[in-house]
Amino acid sequence: MRFLRRHHVLTLATVAEGVPYCSNAFYCYDKERNLLVFTSDPATRHAQEMERNPRVAASVVLETKIVGRVQGLQLCGTAARADETARRAYLKRFPYAALAELTLWAIRPDYMKLTDNTLGFGKKLIWNDKLESSS
């Protein structure tokens, strides 16, 4: 998805014991495997919550004051520790991160909704488990 490749910060939503929590992270998008790869220290609240409950939600948004250019993606999926292929993709996007100790995660979306006002006010494109549709 071109939108995900153009941006680099996501807002991650996790939940534990019925209490939601949000955090932000730099990410890269692995188009071939449909993964959003990001780093998070295992000691953070959201990493600990992903360990207990891998079901997450996330969003990526283009900030603009021009209503006709508003774009934003919301997704749901499963988070897990990332593999070496994901690590290479992340370091290709953020080469300076090679100097840091990284714990990488990958979200595999099973639902995505893109709101794209460049296609018409409130136009939504929905992807759900490889079934693409628009509304």
Foldseek 3Di string as FASTA:
>chain_A
DVVQQVDFKKWKWFDDPRDIDIDMFGWHADVVQGKTKTWDDCPDPRNVRCVVPQKIKMKDWDDDPDQLFTKMKIFIFGKDWDDPVRVVRGCVVVVVCVVDDTGMMITRTQKMWMQGSPVPRRWIWIHGNNDTDTD
